[in-house]
């Protein structure tokens, strides 16, 4: 069976090697910078995770933080790196009667008909 990831919104900050204060504040006690290493310990956990420079520190919907590599983060979440603009809002669909009127105009050569 195949499964699709649910669309959820998360908060994240990218560790760039110098933004120690930013990631510490973002992690709200879960992110620690020790001897040049970023360590993440989610609330209520004994598991220590490590973030490398370039990784994203993500806070999920439960408030827990975890590291995510840049390539996985960009493949999983939309952001400013997406090359395509957000799709424009779809125009309202035409009713069958509107479509029939357009076809009739086109057959008559009316410039308001479809091309």
C-alpha atoms as a PDB file:
ATOM      1  CA  UNK A   1       0.000   0.000   0.000  1.00  0.00           C
ATOM      2  CA  UNK A   2       1.088   3.572  -0.609  1.00  0.00           C
ATOM      3  CA  UNK A   3       0.670   6.423   1.853  1.00  0.00           C
ATOM      4  CA  UNK A   4       0.864  10.190   1.476  1.00  0.00           C
ATOM      5  CA  UNK A   5       2.260  12.472   4.155  1.00  0.00           C
ATOM      6  CA  UNK A   6      -0.348  14.680   5.767  1.00  0.00           C
ATOM      7  CA  UNK A   7       0.068  18.367   5.061  1.00  0.00           C
ATOM      8  CA  UNK A   8       1.151  19.966   8.333  1.00  0.00           C
ATOM      9  CA  UNK A   9       2.727  23.283   9.088  1.00  0.00           C
ATOM     10  CA  UNK A  10       5.888  23.309  11.189  1.00  0.00           C
ATOM     11  CA  UNK A  11       8.217  25.992  12.453  1.00  0.00           C
ATOM     12  CA  UNK A  12      11.903  25.665  11.625  1.00  0.00           C
ATOM     13  CA  UNK A  13      15.214  27.484  11.677  1.00  0.00           C
ATOM     14  CA  UNK A  14      18.321  26.496   9.739  1.00  0.00           C
ATOM     15  CA  UNK A  15      21.573  26.023  11.682  1.00  0.00           C
ATOM     16  CA  UNK A  16      24.226  27.976   9.792  1.00  0.00           C
ATOM     17  CA  UNK A  17      27.093  27.484  12.199  1.00  0.00           C
ATOM     18  CA  UNK A  18      26.870  30.964  13.716  1.00  0.00           C
ATOM     19  CA  UNK A  19      23.232  31.504  14.778  1.00  0.00           C
ATOM     20  CA  UNK A  20      23.684  29.960  18.231  1.00  0.00           C
ATOM     21  CA  UNK A  21      21.377  32.366  20.055  1.00  0.00           C
ATOM     22  CA  UNK A  22      18.631  32.022  17.432  1.00  0.00           C
ATOM     23  CA  UNK A  23      18.539  28.227  17.583  1.00  0.00           C
ATOM     24  CA  UNK A  24      18.790  28.223  21.383  1.00  0.00           C
ATOM     25  CA  UNK A  25      15.802  30.562  21.706  1.00  0.00           C
ATOM     26  CA  UNK A  26      13.881  28.654  19.027  1.00  0.00           C
ATOM     27  CA  UNK A  27      14.471  25.332  20.792  1.00  0.00           C
ATOM     28  CA  UNK A  28      13.065  26.637  24.080  1.00  0.00           C
ATOM     29  CA  UNK A  29      15.418  24.513  26.188  1.00  0.00           C
ATOM     30  CA  UNK A  30      15.481  21.521  23.833  1.00  0.00           C
ATOM     31  CA  UNK A  31      18.425  22.771  21.748  1.00  0.00           C
ATOM     32  CA  UNK A  32      21.860  23.088  23.306  1.00  0.00           C
ATOM     33  CA  UNK A  33      25.189  24.220  21.874  1.00  0.00           C
ATOM     34  CA  UNK A  34      27.980  22.315  23.582  1.00  0.00           C
ATOM     35  CA  UNK A  35      31.646  22.417  22.499  1.00  0.00           C
ATOM     36  CA  UNK A  36      30.796  23.326  18.908  1.00  0.00           C
ATOM     37  CA  UNK A  37      28.014  20.741  18.598  1.00  0.00           C
ATOM     38  CA  UNK A  38      24.274  21.391  18.437  1.00  0.00           C
ATOM     39  CA  UNK A  39      22.453  18.823  20.539  1.00  0.00           C
ATOM     40  CA  UNK A  40      18.686  18.434  20.555  1.00  0.00           C
ATOM     41  CA  UNK A  41      16.880  16.710  23.402  1.00  0.00           C
ATOM     42  CA  UNK A  42      13.083  16.735  22.938  1.00  0.00           C
ATOM     43  CA  UNK A  43      11.062  17.343  26.103  1.00  0.00           C
ATOM     44  CA  UNK A  44      10.542  14.147  28.078  1.00  0.00           C
ATOM     45  CA  UNK A  45      13.129  12.228  26.045  1.00  0.00           C
ATOM     46  CA  UNK A  46      16.520  10.815  26.891  1.00  0.00           C
ATOM     47  CA  UNK A  47      17.504  10.552  23.223  1.00  0.00           C
ATOM     48  CA  UNK A  48      20.095  13.112  22.138  1.00  0.00           C
ATOM     49  CA  UNK A  49      20.075  14.125  18.462  1.00  0.00           C
ATOM     50  CA  UNK A  50      22.809  16.085  16.722  1.00  0.00           C
ATOM     51  CA  UNK A  51      22.370  18.816  14.101  1.00  0.00           C
ATOM     52  CA  UNK A  52      25.063  19.462  11.512  1.00  0.00           C
ATOM     53  CA  UNK A  53      25.664  22.869   9.917  1.00  0.00           C
ATOM     54  CA  UNK A  54      23.022  23.269   7.188  1.00  0.00           C
ATOM     55  CA  UNK A  55      20.449  21.096   8.966  1.00  0.00           C
ATOM     56  CA  UNK A  56      17.061  22.492   9.904  1.00  0.00           C
ATOM     57  CA  UNK A  57      15.816  22.378  13.459  1.00  0.00           C
ATOM     58  CA  UNK A  58      12.112  21.666  13.227  1.00  0.00           C
ATOM     59  CA  UNK A  59       9.468  22.117  15.906  1.00  0.00           C
ATOM     60  CA  UNK A  60       6.547  19.802  15.255  1.00  0.00           C
ATOM     61  CA  UNK A  61       2.896  20.263  16.173  1.00  0.00           C
ATOM     62  CA  UNK A  62       3.558  18.697  19.607  1.00  0.00           C
ATOM     63  CA  UNK A  63       6.285  21.273  20.296  1.00  0.00           C
ATOM     64  CA  UNK A  64       9.137  18.755  20.061  1.00  0.00           C
ATOM     65  CA  UNK A  65      12.295  19.716  18.169  1.00  0.00           C
ATOM     66  CA  UNK A  66      14.297  17.466  15.893  1.00  0.00           C
ATOM     67  CA  UNK A  67      17.001  17.898  13.229  1.00  0.00           C
ATOM     68  CA  UNK A  68      16.267  17.455   9.533  1.00  0.00           C
ATOM     69  CA  UNK A  69      18.821  17.529   6.715  1.00  0.00           C
ATOM     70  CA  UNK A  70      18.474  20.361   4.229  1.00  0.00           C
ATOM     71  CA  UNK A  71      17.689  18.035   1.307  1.00  0.00           C
ATOM     72  CA  UNK A  72      14.938  16.191   3.195  1.00  0.00           C
ATOM     73  CA  UNK A  73      13.493  19.445   4.571  1.00  0.00           C
ATOM     74  CA  UNK A  74      13.325  21.076   1.123  1.00  0.00           C
ATOM     75  CA  UNK A  75      11.762  17.956  -0.386  1.00  0.00           C
ATOM     76  CA  UNK A  76       9.170  17.748   2.402  1.00  0.00           C
ATOM     77  CA  UNK A  77       8.152  21.377   2.937  1.00  0.00           C
ATOM     78  CA  UNK A  78       7.266  24.335   0.739  1.00  0.00           C
ATOM     79  CA  UNK A  79       9.297  27.479   1.254  1.00  0.00           C
ATOM     80  CA  UNK A  80      11.010  30.371  -0.500  1.00  0.00           C
ATOM     81  CA  UNK A  81      13.317  27.915  -2.310  1.00  0.00           C
ATOM     82  CA  UNK A  82      10.384  26.623  -4.382  1.00  0.00           C
ATOM     83  CA  UNK A  83      11.038  27.827  -7.904  1.00  0.00           C
ATOM     84  CA  UNK A  84       7.411  27.864  -8.961  1.00  0.00           C
ATOM     85  CA  UNK A  85       5.065  30.498  -7.694  1.00  0.00           C
ATOM     86  CA  UNK A  86       1.989  29.386  -5.858  1.00  0.00           C
ATOM     87  CA  UNK A  87      -0.734  28.444  -8.300  1.00  0.00           C
ATOM     88  CA  UNK A  88      -3.193  31.199  -9.050  1.00  0.00           C
ATOM     89  CA  UNK A  89      -6.667  30.793  -7.720  1.00  0.00           C
ATOM     90  CA  UNK A  90      -8.784  28.822 -10.126  1.00  0.00           C
ATOM     91  CA  UNK A  91     -11.405  30.734 -12.004  1.00  0.00           C
ATOM     92  CA  UNK A  92     -14.953  29.690 -11.273  1.00  0.00           C
ATOM     93  CA  UNK A  93     -16.112  26.882 -13.498  1.00  0.00           C
ATOM     94  CA  UNK A  94     -18.482  27.755 -16.303  1.00  0.00           C
ATOM     95  CA  UNK A  95     -21.914  26.269 -16.311  1.00  0.00           C
ATOM     96  CA  UNK A  96     -22.886  24.004 -19.217  1.00  0.00           C
ATOM     97  CA  UNK A  97     -25.231  26.791 -20.411  1.00  0.00           C
ATOM     98  CA  UNK A  98     -22.348  29.314 -20.509  1.00  0.00           C
ATOM     99  CA  UNK A  99     -20.215  26.869 -22.499  1.00  0.00           C
ATOM    100  CA  UNK A 100     -23.045  26.245 -24.967  1.00  0.00           C
ATOM    101  CA  UNK A 101     -23.518  30.013 -25.438  1.00  0.00           C
ATOM    102  CA  UNK A 102     -19.788  30.461 -26.124  1.00  0.00           C
ATOM    103  CA  UNK A 103     -19.852  27.668 -28.719  1.00  0.00           C
ATOM    104  CA  UNK A 104     -22.915  29.160 -30.388  1.00  0.00           C
ATOM    105  CA  UNK A 105     -21.250  32.575 -30.579  1.00  0.00           C
ATOM    106  CA  UNK A 106     -18.124  31.005 -32.043  1.00  0.00           C
ATOM    107  CA  UNK A 107     -20.158  29.221 -34.730  1.00  0.00           C
ATOM    108  CA  UNK A 108     -21.782  32.552 -35.646  1.00  0.00           C
ATOM    109  CA  UNK A 109     -18.391  34.231 -35.828  1.00  0.00           C
ATOM    110  CA  UNK A 110     -19.103  36.415 -32.812  1.00  0.00           C
ATOM    111  CA  UNK A 111     -15.745  37.721 -31.438  1.00  0.00           C
ATOM    112  CA  UNK A 112     -16.935  36.979 -27.888  1.00  0.00           C
ATOM    113  CA  UNK A 113     -17.120  33.274 -28.726  1.00  0.00           C
ATOM    114  CA  UNK A 114     -14.317  30.804 -28.051  1.00  0.00           C
ATOM    115  CA  UNK A 115     -11.351  30.724 -30.378  1.00  0.00           C
END
